[in-house]
Amino acid sequence: MKVNVHYISLVKSYTNKSREEITLNEGASMEQLLNQIANSYGKQFKEEYDPEKKEMKSTFVAMINGVLIDQLKGTSTTLKNGDNIILMALMTGG
């Protein structure tokens, strides 16, 4: 299956892309997608999502079809063919 991933804000600078289509196994979870992206883009992305701990920074936002993953089943949410995923890092500081 294929999902469309949109990278916004700092995450876009980590991937040097604004979007890409990623192929996953049928029934893959958001966790599997994030792991694949982390393995592809390395250290900077892993600062937002740690694949070993399976944790996202509190300022990292992930949405599936416009719904925050926290309102779904978090990283355990099952993805479907054609899903639109948005990944972004919120700006913090003062």
PDB file of N, CA and C in Angstrom:
ATOM      1  N   MET A   1       0.845  -1.177   0.000  1.00  0.00           N
ATOM      2  CA  MET A   1       0.000   0.000   0.000  1.00  0.00           C
ATOM      3  C   MET A   1       0.886   1.234   0.000  1.00  0.00           C
ATOM      4  N   LYS A   2       0.309   2.367  -0.399  1.00  0.00           N
ATOM      5  CA  LYS A   2       1.073   3.609  -0.458  1.00  0.00           C
ATOM      6  C   LYS A   2       0.363   4.688   0.350  1.00  0.00           C
ATOM      7  N   VAL A   3       1.169   5.474   1.083  1.00  0.00           N
ATOM      8  CA  VAL A   3       0.648   6.618   1.828  1.00  0.00           C
ATOM      9  C   VAL A   3       1.403   7.858   1.376  1.00  0.00           C
ATOM     10  N   ASN A   4       0.754   9.001   1.480  1.00  0.00           N
ATOM     11  CA  ASN A   4       1.359  10.277   1.117  1.00  0.00           C
ATOM     12  C   ASN A   4       1.793  10.979   2.389  1.00  0.00           C
ATOM     13  N   VAL A   5       3.075  11.289   2.478  1.00  0.00           N
ATOM     14  CA  VAL A   5       3.614  11.917   3.671  1.00  0.00           C
ATOM     15  C   VAL A   5       4.018  13.347   3.325  1.00  0.00           C
ATOM     16  N   HIS A   6       3.502  14.300   4.106  1.00  0.00           N
ATOM     17  CA  HIS A   6       3.795  15.716   3.927  1.00  0.00           C
ATOM     18  C   HIS A   6       4.662  16.166   5.097  1.00  0.00           C
ATOM     19  N   TYR A   7       5.801  16.777   4.789  1.00  0.00           N
ATOM     20  CA  TYR A   7       6.730  17.255   5.807  1.00  0.00           C
ATOM     21  C   TYR A   7       6.598  18.773   5.909  1.00  0.00           C
ATOM     22  N   ILE A   8       6.373  19.257   7.121  1.00  0.00           N
ATOM     23  CA  ILE A   8       6.155  20.686   7.331  1.00  0.00           C
ATOM     24  C   ILE A   8       7.142  21.205   8.379  1.00  0.00           C
ATOM     25  N   SER A   9       7.485  22.445   8.286  1.00  0.00           N
ATOM     26  CA  SER A   9       8.373  23.169   9.198  1.00  0.00           C
ATOM     27  C   SER A   9       9.741  22.498   9.273  1.00  0.00           C
ATOM     28  N   LEU A  10      10.268  22.319  10.473  1.00  0.00           N
ATOM     29  CA  LEU A  10      11.617  21.759  10.626  1.00  0.00           C
ATOM     30  C   LEU A  10      11.759  20.377  10.012  1.00  0.00           C
ATOM     31  N   VAL A  11      10.708  19.599  10.041  1.00  0.00           N
ATOM     32  CA  VAL A  11      10.791  18.234   9.494  1.00  0.00           C
ATOM     33  C   VAL A  11      11.117  18.285   8.002  1.00  0.00           C
ATOM     34  N   LYS A  12      10.597  19.294   7.316  1.00  0.00           N
ATOM     35  CA  LYS A  12      10.911  19.472   5.892  1.00  0.00           C
ATOM     36  C   LYS A  12      12.413  19.677   5.697  1.00  0.00           C
ATOM     37  N   SER A  13      13.046  20.410   6.597  1.00  0.00           N
ATOM     38  CA  SER A  13      14.491  20.630   6.474  1.00  0.00           C
ATOM     39  C   SER A  13      15.284  19.350   6.768  1.00  0.00           C
ATOM     40  N   TYR A  14      14.741  18.447   7.556  1.00  0.00           N
ATOM     41  CA  TYR A  14      15.423  17.176   7.846  1.00  0.00           C
ATOM     42  C   TYR A  14      15.413  16.244   6.639  1.00  0.00           C
ATOM     43  N   THR A  15      14.318  16.299   5.863  1.00  0.00           N
ATOM     44  CA  THR A  15      14.150  15.378   4.742  1.00  0.00           C
ATOM     45  C   THR A  15      14.516  16.001   3.392  1.00  0.00           C
ATOM     46  N   ASN A  16      14.605  17.340   3.363  1.00  0.00           N
ATOM     47  CA  ASN A  16      14.822  18.076   2.107  1.00  0.00           C
ATOM     48  C   ASN A  16      13.720  17.809   1.092  1.00  0.00           C
ATOM     49  N   LYS A  17      12.530  17.497   1.607  1.00  0.00           N
ATOM     50  CA  LYS A  17      11.362  17.242   0.755  1.00  0.00           C
ATOM     51  C   LYS A  17      10.137  17.837   1.437  1.00  0.00           C
ATOM     52  N   SER A  18       9.174  18.247   0.654  1.00  0.00           N
ATOM     53  CA  SER A  18       7.923  18.700   1.249  1.00  0.00           C
ATOM     54  C   SER A  18       6.904  17.561   1.302  1.00  0.00           C
ATOM     55  N   ARG A  19       7.089  16.574   0.433  1.00  0.00           N
ATOM     56  CA  ARG A  19       6.193  15.415   0.456  1.00  0.00           C
ATOM     57  C   ARG A  19       6.841  14.252  -0.285  1.00  0.00           C
ATOM     58  N   GLU A  20       6.328  13.060   0.017  1.00  0.00           N
ATOM     59  CA  GLU A  20       6.739  11.874  -0.724  1.00  0.00           C
ATOM     60  C   GLU A  20       5.696  10.784  -0.539  1.00  0.00           C
ATOM     61  N   GLU A  21       5.671   9.858  -1.476  1.00  0.00           N
ATOM     62  CA  GLU A  21       4.797   8.690  -1.377  1.00  0.00           C
ATOM     63  C   GLU A  21       5.664   7.541  -0.868  1.00  0.00           C
ATOM     64  N   ILE A  22       5.196   6.883   0.191  1.00  0.00           N
ATOM     65  CA  ILE A  22       5.954   5.790   0.793  1.00  0.00           C
ATOM     66  C   ILE A  22       5.151   4.500   0.689  1.00  0.00           C
ATOM     67  N   THR A  23       5.817   3.443   0.290  1.00  0.00           N
ATOM     68  CA  THR A  23       5.192   2.129   0.166  1.00  0.00           C
ATOM     69  C   THR A  23       5.430   1.350   1.459  1.00  0.00           C
ATOM     70  N   LEU A  24       4.347   0.794   1.997  1.00  0.00           N
ATOM     71  CA  LEU A  24       4.388   0.002   3.229  1.00  0.00           C
ATOM     72  C   LEU A  24       3.658  -1.307   3.000  1.00  0.00           C
ATOM     73  N   ASN A  25       3.885  -2.260   3.878  1.00  0.00           N
ATOM     74  CA  ASN A  25       3.112  -3.497   3.840  1.00  0.00           C
ATOM     75  C   ASN A  25       1.671  -3.204   4.238  1.00  0.00           C
ATOM     76  N   GLU A  26       0.756  -3.932   3.663  1.00  0.00           N
ATOM     77  CA  GLU A  26      -0.660  -3.789   4.006  1.00  0.00           C
ATOM     78  C   GLU A  26      -0.845  -3.948   5.510  1.00  0.00           C
ATOM     79  N   GLY A  27      -1.618  -3.050   6.117  1.00  0.00           N
ATOM     80  CA  GLY A  27      -1.883  -3.130   7.550  1.00  0.00           C
ATOM     81  C   GLY A  27      -0.791  -2.557   8.424  1.00  0.00           C
ATOM     82  N   ALA A  28       0.174  -1.847   7.818  1.00  0.00           N
ATOM     83  CA  ALA A  28       1.267  -1.251   8.598  1.00  0.00           C
ATOM     84  C   ALA A  28       0.720  -0.190   9.556  1.00  0.00           C
ATOM     85  N   SER A  29       1.445   0.011  10.643  1.00  0.00           N
ATOM     86  CA  SER A  29       1.046   1.004  11.641  1.00  0.00           C
ATOM     87  C   SER A  29       1.820   2.302  11.441  1.00  0.00           C
ATOM     88  N   MET A  30       1.357   3.331  12.126  1.00  0.00           N
ATOM     89  CA  MET A  30       2.066   4.610  12.116  1.00  0.00           C
ATOM     90  C   MET A  30       3.483   4.427  12.650  1.00  0.00           C
ATOM     91  N   GLU A  31       3.652   3.571  13.632  1.00  0.00           N
ATOM     92  CA  GLU A  31       4.979   3.288  14.186  1.00  0.00           C
ATOM     93  C   GLU A  31       5.914   2.759  13.103  1.00  0.00           C
ATOM     94  N   GLN A  32       5.420   1.841  12.276  1.00  0.00           N
ATOM     95  CA  GLN A  32       6.245   1.284  11.212  1.00  0.00           C
ATOM     96  C   GLN A  32       6.631   2.356  10.198  1.00  0.00           C
ATOM     97  N   LEU A  33       5.701   3.255   9.891  1.00  0.00           N
ATOM     98  CA  LEU A  33       6.003   4.358   8.984  1.00  0.00           C
ATOM     99  C   LEU A  33       7.081   5.264   9.579  1.00  0.00           C
ATOM    100  N   LEU A  34       6.913   5.656  10.838  1.00  0.00           N
ATOM    101  CA  LEU A  34       7.892   6.531  11.492  1.00  0.00           C
ATOM    102  C   LEU A  34       9.263   5.862  11.569  1.00  0.00           C
ATOM    103  N   ASN A  35       9.295   4.564  11.839  1.00  0.00           N
ATOM    104  CA  ASN A  35      10.568   3.839  11.872  1.00  0.00           C
ATOM    105  C   ASN A  35      11.252   3.875  10.506  1.00  0.00           C
ATOM    106  N   GLN A  36      10.469   3.668   9.452  1.00  0.00           N
ATOM    107  CA  GLN A  36      11.027   3.677   8.099  1.00  0.00           C
ATOM    108  C   GLN A  36      11.575   5.059   7.766  1.00  0.00           C
ATOM    109  N   ILE A  37      10.847   6.103   8.117  1.00  0.00           N
ATOM    110  CA  ILE A  37      11.308   7.469   7.854  1.00  0.00           C
ATOM    111  C   ILE A  37      12.563   7.767   8.670  1.00  0.00           C
ATOM    112  N   ALA A  38      12.568   7.374   9.937  1.00  0.00           N
ATOM    113  CA  ALA A  38      13.746   7.599  10.796  1.00  0.00           C
ATOM    114  C   ALA A  38      14.977   6.902  10.231  1.00  0.00           C
ATOM    115  N   ASN A  39      14.807   5.691   9.722  1.00  0.00           N
ATOM    116  CA  ASN A  39      15.930   4.964   9.136  1.00  0.00           C
ATOM    117  C   ASN A  39      16.419   5.617   7.845  1.00  0.00           C
ATOM    118  N   SER A  40      15.503   6.236   7.107  1.00  0.00           N
ATOM    119  CA  SER A  40      15.866   6.893   5.850  1.00  0.00           C
ATOM    120  C   SER A  40      16.572   8.227   6.072  1.00  0.00           C
ATOM    121  N   TYR A  41      16.122   9.001   7.075  1.00  0.00           N
ATOM    122  CA  TYR A  41      16.606  10.372   7.216  1.00  0.00           C
ATOM    123  C   TYR A  41      17.529  10.607   8.399  1.00  0.00           C
ATOM    124  N   GLY A  42      17.699   9.616   9.253  1.00  0.00           N
ATOM    125  CA  GLY A  42      18.747   9.666  10.253  1.00  0.00           C
ATOM    126  C   GLY A  42      18.577  10.574  11.450  1.00  0.00           C
ATOM    127  N   LYS A  43      19.721  11.063  11.908  1.00  0.00           N
ATOM    128  CA  LYS A  43      19.857  11.710  13.218  1.00  0.00           C
ATOM    129  C   LYS A  43      18.853  12.833  13.479  1.00  0.00           C
ATOM    130  N   GLN A  44      18.712  13.771  12.566  1.00  0.00           N
ATOM    131  CA  GLN A  44      17.813  14.900  12.826  1.00  0.00           C
ATOM    132  C   GLN A  44      16.377  14.446  13.022  1.00  0.00           C
ATOM    133  N   PHE A  45      15.910  13.532  12.174  1.00  0.00           N
ATOM    134  CA  PHE A  45      14.547  13.041  12.334  1.00  0.00           C
ATOM    135  C   PHE A  45      14.418  12.256  13.633  1.00  0.00           C
ATOM    136  N   LYS A  46      15.451  11.501  13.984  1.00  0.00           N
ATOM    137  CA  LYS A  46      15.416  10.700  15.209  1.00  0.00           C
ATOM    138  C   LYS A  46      15.387  11.561  16.471  1.00  0.00           C
ATOM    139  N   GLU A  47      15.747  12.846  16.340  1.00  0.00           N
ATOM    140  CA  GLU A  47      15.616  13.749  17.477  1.00  0.00           C
ATOM    141  C   GLU A  47      14.140  14.076  17.741  1.00  0.00           C
ATOM    142  N   GLU A  48      13.304  13.939  16.724  1.00  0.00           N
ATOM    143  CA  GLU A  48      11.863  14.164  16.870  1.00  0.00           C
ATOM    144  C   GLU A  48      11.139  12.875  17.249  1.00  0.00           C
ATOM    145  N   TYR A  49      11.550  11.773  16.651  1.00  0.00           N
ATOM    146  CA  TYR A  49      10.957  10.458  16.924  1.00  0.00           C
ATOM    147  C   TYR A  49      12.084   9.463  17.149  1.00  0.00           C
ATOM    148  N   ASP A  50      12.122   8.880  18.320  1.00  0.00           N
ATOM    149  CA  ASP A  50      13.163   7.909  18.670  1.00  0.00           C
ATOM    150  C   ASP A  50      12.624   6.503  18.406  1.00  0.00           C
ATOM    151  N   PRO A  51      13.096   5.833  17.326  1.00  0.00           N
ATOM    152  CA  PRO A  51      12.562   4.510  16.992  1.00  0.00           C
ATOM    153  C   PRO A  51      12.896   3.435  18.028  1.00  0.00           C
ATOM    154  N   GLU A  52      13.988   3.606  18.768  1.00  0.00           N
ATOM    155  CA  GLU A  52      14.332   2.606  19.781  1.00  0.00           C
ATOM    156  C   GLU A  52      13.391   2.676  20.977  1.00  0.00           C
ATOM    157  N   LYS A  53      13.061   3.892  21.396  1.00  0.00           N
ATOM    158  CA  LYS A  53      12.146   4.072  22.528  1.00  0.00           C
ATOM    159  C   LYS A  53      10.682   4.128  22.083  1.00  0.00           C
ATOM    160  N   LYS A  54      10.489   4.273  20.765  1.00  0.00           N
ATOM    161  CA  LYS A  54       9.145   4.407  20.187  1.00  0.00           C
ATOM    162  C   LYS A  54       8.422   5.608  20.792  1.00  0.00           C
ATOM    163  N   GLU A  55       9.159   6.719  20.906  1.00  0.00           N
ATOM    164  CA  GLU A  55       8.618   7.932  21.516  1.00  0.00           C
ATOM    165  C   GLU A  55       8.794   9.122  20.584  1.00  0.00           C
ATOM    166  N   MET A  56       7.792  10.006  20.597  1.00  0.00           N
ATOM    167  CA  MET A  56       7.865  11.258  19.869  1.00  0.00           C
ATOM    168  C   MET A  56       8.084  12.383  20.866  1.00  0.00           C
ATOM    169  N   LYS A  57       8.853  13.399  20.466  1.00  0.00           N
ATOM    170  CA  LYS A  57       8.993  14.582  21.302  1.00  0.00           C
ATOM    171  C   LYS A  57       7.620  15.240  21.438  1.00  0.00           C
ATOM    172  N   SER A  58       7.417  15.941  22.541  1.00  0.00           N
ATOM    173  CA  SER A  58       6.115  16.581  22.765  1.00  0.00           C
ATOM    174  C   SER A  58       5.828  17.661  21.723  1.00  0.00           C
ATOM    175  N   THR A  59       6.856  18.178  21.074  1.00  0.00           N
ATOM    176  CA  THR A  59       6.659  19.213  20.058  1.00  0.00           C
ATOM    177  C   THR A  59       6.542  18.652  18.642  1.00  0.00           C
ATOM    178  N   PHE A  60       6.547  17.324  18.519  1.00  0.00           N
ATOM    179  CA  PHE A  60       6.418  16.670  17.216  1.00  0.00           C
ATOM    180  C   PHE A  60       4.959  16.308  17.008  1.00  0.00           C
ATOM    181  N   VAL A  61       4.412  16.706  15.874  1.00  0.00           N
ATOM    182  CA  VAL A  61       2.996  16.482  15.594  1.00  0.00           C
ATOM    183  C   VAL A  61       2.854  15.567  14.381  1.00  0.00           C
ATOM    184  N   ALA A  62       1.997  14.562  14.532  1.00  0.00           N
ATOM    185  CA  ALA A  62       1.701  13.652  13.427  1.00  0.00           C
ATOM    186  C   ALA A  62       0.183  13.569  13.266  1.00  0.00           C
ATOM    187  N   MET A  63      -0.263  13.689  12.013  1.00  0.00           N
ATOM    188  CA  MET A  63      -1.697  13.625  11.714  1.00  0.00           C
ATOM    189  C   MET A  63      -1.927  12.618  10.592  1.00  0.00           C
ATOM    190  N   ILE A  64      -3.065  11.943  10.684  1.00  0.00           N
ATOM    191  CA  ILE A  64      -3.498  11.028   9.627  1.00  0.00           C
ATOM    192  C   ILE A  64      -4.832  11.544   9.130  1.00  0.00           C
ATOM    193  N   ASN A  65      -4.879  11.914   7.864  1.00  0.00           N
ATOM    194  CA  ASN A  65      -6.099  12.441   7.252  1.00  0.00           C
ATOM    195  C   ASN A  65      -6.706  13.574   8.088  1.00  0.00           C
ATOM    196  N   GLY A  66      -5.837  14.452   8.605  1.00  0.00           N
ATOM    197  CA  GLY A  66      -6.285  15.625   9.336  1.00  0.00           C
ATOM    198  C   GLY A  66      -6.603  15.411  10.801  1.00  0.00           C
ATOM    199  N   VAL A  67      -6.385  14.205  11.317  1.00  0.00           N
ATOM    200  CA  VAL A  67      -6.677  13.901  12.725  1.00  0.00           C
ATOM    201  C   VAL A  67      -5.366  13.619  13.443  1.00  0.00           C
ATOM    202  N   LEU A  68      -5.153  14.289  14.584  1.00  0.00           N
ATOM    203  CA  LEU A  68      -3.956  14.037  15.378  1.00  0.00           C
ATOM    204  C   LEU A  68      -3.913  12.576  15.803  1.00  0.00           C
ATOM    205  N   ILE A  69      -2.731  11.963  15.735  1.00  0.00           N
ATOM    206  CA  ILE A  69      -2.658  10.542  16.082  1.00  0.00           C
ATOM    207  C   ILE A  69      -2.990  10.302  17.553  1.00  0.00           C
ATOM    208  N   ASP A  70      -2.826  11.327  18.387  1.00  0.00           N
ATOM    209  CA  ASP A  70      -3.205  11.189  19.798  1.00  0.00           C
ATOM    210  C   ASP A  70      -4.711  10.990  19.957  1.00  0.00           C
ATOM    211  N   GLN A  71      -5.484  11.430  18.972  1.00  0.00           N
ATOM    212  CA  GLN A  71      -6.934  11.256  19.002  1.00  0.00           C
ATOM    213  C   GLN A  71      -7.341   9.916  18.399  1.00  0.00           C
ATOM    214  N   LEU A  72      -6.369   9.209  17.866  1.00  0.00           N
ATOM    215  CA  LEU A  72      -6.610   7.875  17.302  1.00  0.00           C
ATOM    216  C   LEU A  72      -5.979   6.856  18.260  1.00  0.00           C
ATOM    217  N   LYS A  73      -5.172   5.971  17.749  1.00  0.00           N
ATOM    218  CA  LYS A  73      -4.499   4.976  18.599  1.00  0.00           C
ATOM    219  C   LYS A  73      -3.005   5.246  18.680  1.00  0.00           C
ATOM    220  N   GLY A  74      -2.632   6.521  18.583  1.00  0.00           N
ATOM    221  CA  GLY A  74      -1.223   6.888  18.649  1.00  0.00           C
ATOM    222  C   GLY A  74      -0.426   6.225  17.551  1.00  0.00           C
ATOM    223  N   THR A  75       0.792   5.816  17.878  1.00  0.00           N
ATOM    224  CA  THR A  75       1.635   5.179  16.867  1.00  0.00           C
ATOM    225  C   THR A  75       1.168   3.772  16.505  1.00  0.00           C
ATOM    226  N   SER A  76       0.203   3.240  17.248  1.00  0.00           N
ATOM    227  CA  SER A  76      -0.365   1.921  16.929  1.00  0.00           C
ATOM    228  C   SER A  76      -1.455   2.001  15.865  1.00  0.00           C
ATOM    229  N   THR A  77      -1.831   3.201  15.467  1.00  0.00           N
ATOM    230  CA  THR A  77      -2.891   3.381  14.474  1.00  0.00           C
ATOM    231  C   THR A  77      -2.518   2.672  13.176  1.00  0.00           C
ATOM    232  N   THR A  78      -3.433   1.872  12.661  1.00  0.00           N
ATOM    233  CA  THR A  78      -3.231   1.163  11.393  1.00  0.00           C
ATOM    234  C   THR A  78      -3.476   2.121  10.240  1.00  0.00           C
ATOM    235  N   LEU A  79      -2.567   2.113   9.298  1.00  0.00           N
ATOM    236  CA  LEU A  79      -2.689   2.972   8.120  1.00  0.00           C
ATOM    237  C   LEU A  79      -3.404   2.233   6.999  1.00  0.00           C
ATOM    238  N   LYS A  80      -3.994   3.035   6.103  1.00  0.00           N
ATOM    239  CA  LYS A  80      -4.692   2.475   4.946  1.00  0.00           C
ATOM    240  C   LYS A  80      -4.114   3.064   3.666  1.00  0.00           C
ATOM    241  N   ASN A  81      -4.251   2.343   2.584  1.00  0.00           N
ATOM    242  CA  ASN A  81      -3.785   2.812   1.288  1.00  0.00           C
ATOM    243  C   ASN A  81      -4.371   4.193   0.995  1.00  0.00           C
ATOM    244  N   GLY A  82      -3.517   5.129   0.600  1.00  0.00           N
ATOM    245  CA  GLY A  82      -3.973   6.467   0.231  1.00  0.00           C
ATOM    246  C   GLY A  82      -4.056   7.452   1.380  1.00  0.00           C
ATOM    247  N   ASP A  83      -3.758   7.013   2.603  1.00  0.00           N
ATOM    248  CA  ASP A  83      -3.791   7.941   3.736  1.00  0.00           C
ATOM    249  C   ASP A  83      -2.843   9.104   3.497  1.00  0.00           C
ATOM    250  N   ASN A  84      -3.236  10.275   4.002  1.00  0.00           N
ATOM    251  CA  ASN A  84      -2.396  11.465   3.959  1.00  0.00           C
ATOM    252  C   ASN A  84      -1.851  11.708   5.363  1.00  0.00           C
ATOM    253  N   ILE A  85      -0.552  11.710   5.478  1.00  0.00           N
ATOM    254  CA  ILE A  85       0.125  11.863   6.760  1.00  0.00           C
ATOM    255  C   ILE A  85       0.826  13.217   6.767  1.00  0.00           C
ATOM    256  N   ILE A  86       0.661  13.968   7.845  1.00  0.00           N
ATOM    257  CA  ILE A  86       1.383  15.216   8.021  1.00  0.00           C
ATOM    258  C   ILE A  86       2.299  15.063   9.221  1.00  0.00           C
ATOM    259  N   LEU A  87       3.571  15.389   9.026  1.00  0.00           N
ATOM    260  CA  LEU A  87       4.553  15.351  10.105  1.00  0.00           C
ATOM    261  C   LEU A  87       5.162  16.744  10.228  1.00  0.00           C
ATOM    262  N   MET A  88       5.127  17.289  11.448  1.00  0.00           N
ATOM    263  CA  MET A  88       5.729  18.609  11.639  1.00  0.00           C
ATOM    264  C   MET A  88       6.230  18.768  13.057  1.00  0.00           C
ATOM    265  N   ALA A  89       7.177  19.659  13.223  1.00  0.00           N
ATOM    266  CA  ALA A  89       7.726  19.990  14.535  1.00  0.00           C
ATOM    267  C   ALA A  89       7.275  21.403  14.865  1.00  0.00           C
ATOM    268  N   LEU A  90       6.721  21.564  16.043  1.00  0.00           N
ATOM    269  CA  LEU A  90       6.272  22.876  16.471  1.00  0.00           C
ATOM    270  C   LEU A  90       7.469  23.706  16.920  1.00  0.00           C
ATOM    271  N   MET A  91       7.397  24.990  16.681  1.00  0.00           N
ATOM    272  CA  MET A  91       8.445  25.898  17.119  1.00  0.00           C
ATOM    273  C   MET A  91       8.253  26.197  18.601  1.00  0.00           C
ATOM    274  N   THR A  92       9.329  26.210  19.349  1.00  0.00           N
ATOM    275  CA  THR A  92       9.259  26.528  20.761  1.00  0.00           C
ATOM    276  C   THR A  92      10.326  27.554  21.097  1.00  0.00           C
ATOM    277  N   GLY A  93      10.224  28.120  22.244  1.00  0.00           N
ATOM    278  CA  GLY A  93      11.220  29.082  22.682  1.00  0.00           C
ATOM    279  C   GLY A  93      10.570  30.397  23.049  1.00  0.00           C
ATOM    280  N   GLY A  94      11.371  31.354  23.396  1.00  0.00           N
ATOM    281  CA  GLY A  94      10.778  32.614  23.813  1.00  0.00           C
ATOM    282  C   GLY A  94      11.581  33.803  23.494  1.00  0.00           C
TER     283      GLY A  94
END
